[in-house]
Amino acid sequence: MRSRAIINTALMFLVICLSTHHLYAHKVTLFAWVENGMIVTESYFSDGKMVQNGSISVFDSEETLLVTGQTDSDGMFSFPIPPRDDLTIILDASAGHRAVFKLDKEELGEHTSPSASQRTENRKNGVSIIKVFVGIACIFGLMGIAMHVYRRKKK
């Protein structure tokens, strides 16, 4: 009877684990850089999908709202560099997803931008199906060890 309870608990845990991996599929990331007198932002979910129509708000160090706007279909938004001050850029994406990126005033003088390959690499470092399966396999392994220890104690 106890083994049936353990199996039912394990199955319930498995169902919960398999249903929650979708929660991490839409973690949102905001990346910003200075390019040709403009601040350019790129926003994307961990699966690589670009944030479309995400709300961008830019604040200075005194939390004064300087700029607002929305990301385009490619997840991009740009605006002229405001007066030299530390900036906080906040992205509000769909369903309450939120990301924050801080730019120091020293970075605002730089006119270097990441290459397209660097930005693509950042998007690809999200959650992959392999990571999900490895996580689930670890859980099963730990459960197997726990069941083995439980059975040995029972004998």
Foldseek 3Di string as FASTA:
>chain_A
DVVVVLVVVVVVVLVVLVVCVVVQQFQKDKDWAAAPQKIKIFMDGLQLQGFAQWWKWKAFPVRDTDDIDGAHNRRMDMDGDDPQGKMKIKTQGPPRRIDIDIDHSVRNVDNDDDDPVVVSVVSNPGDDPVNSVVVVVVVVVVSVVVVVVVVVVVD
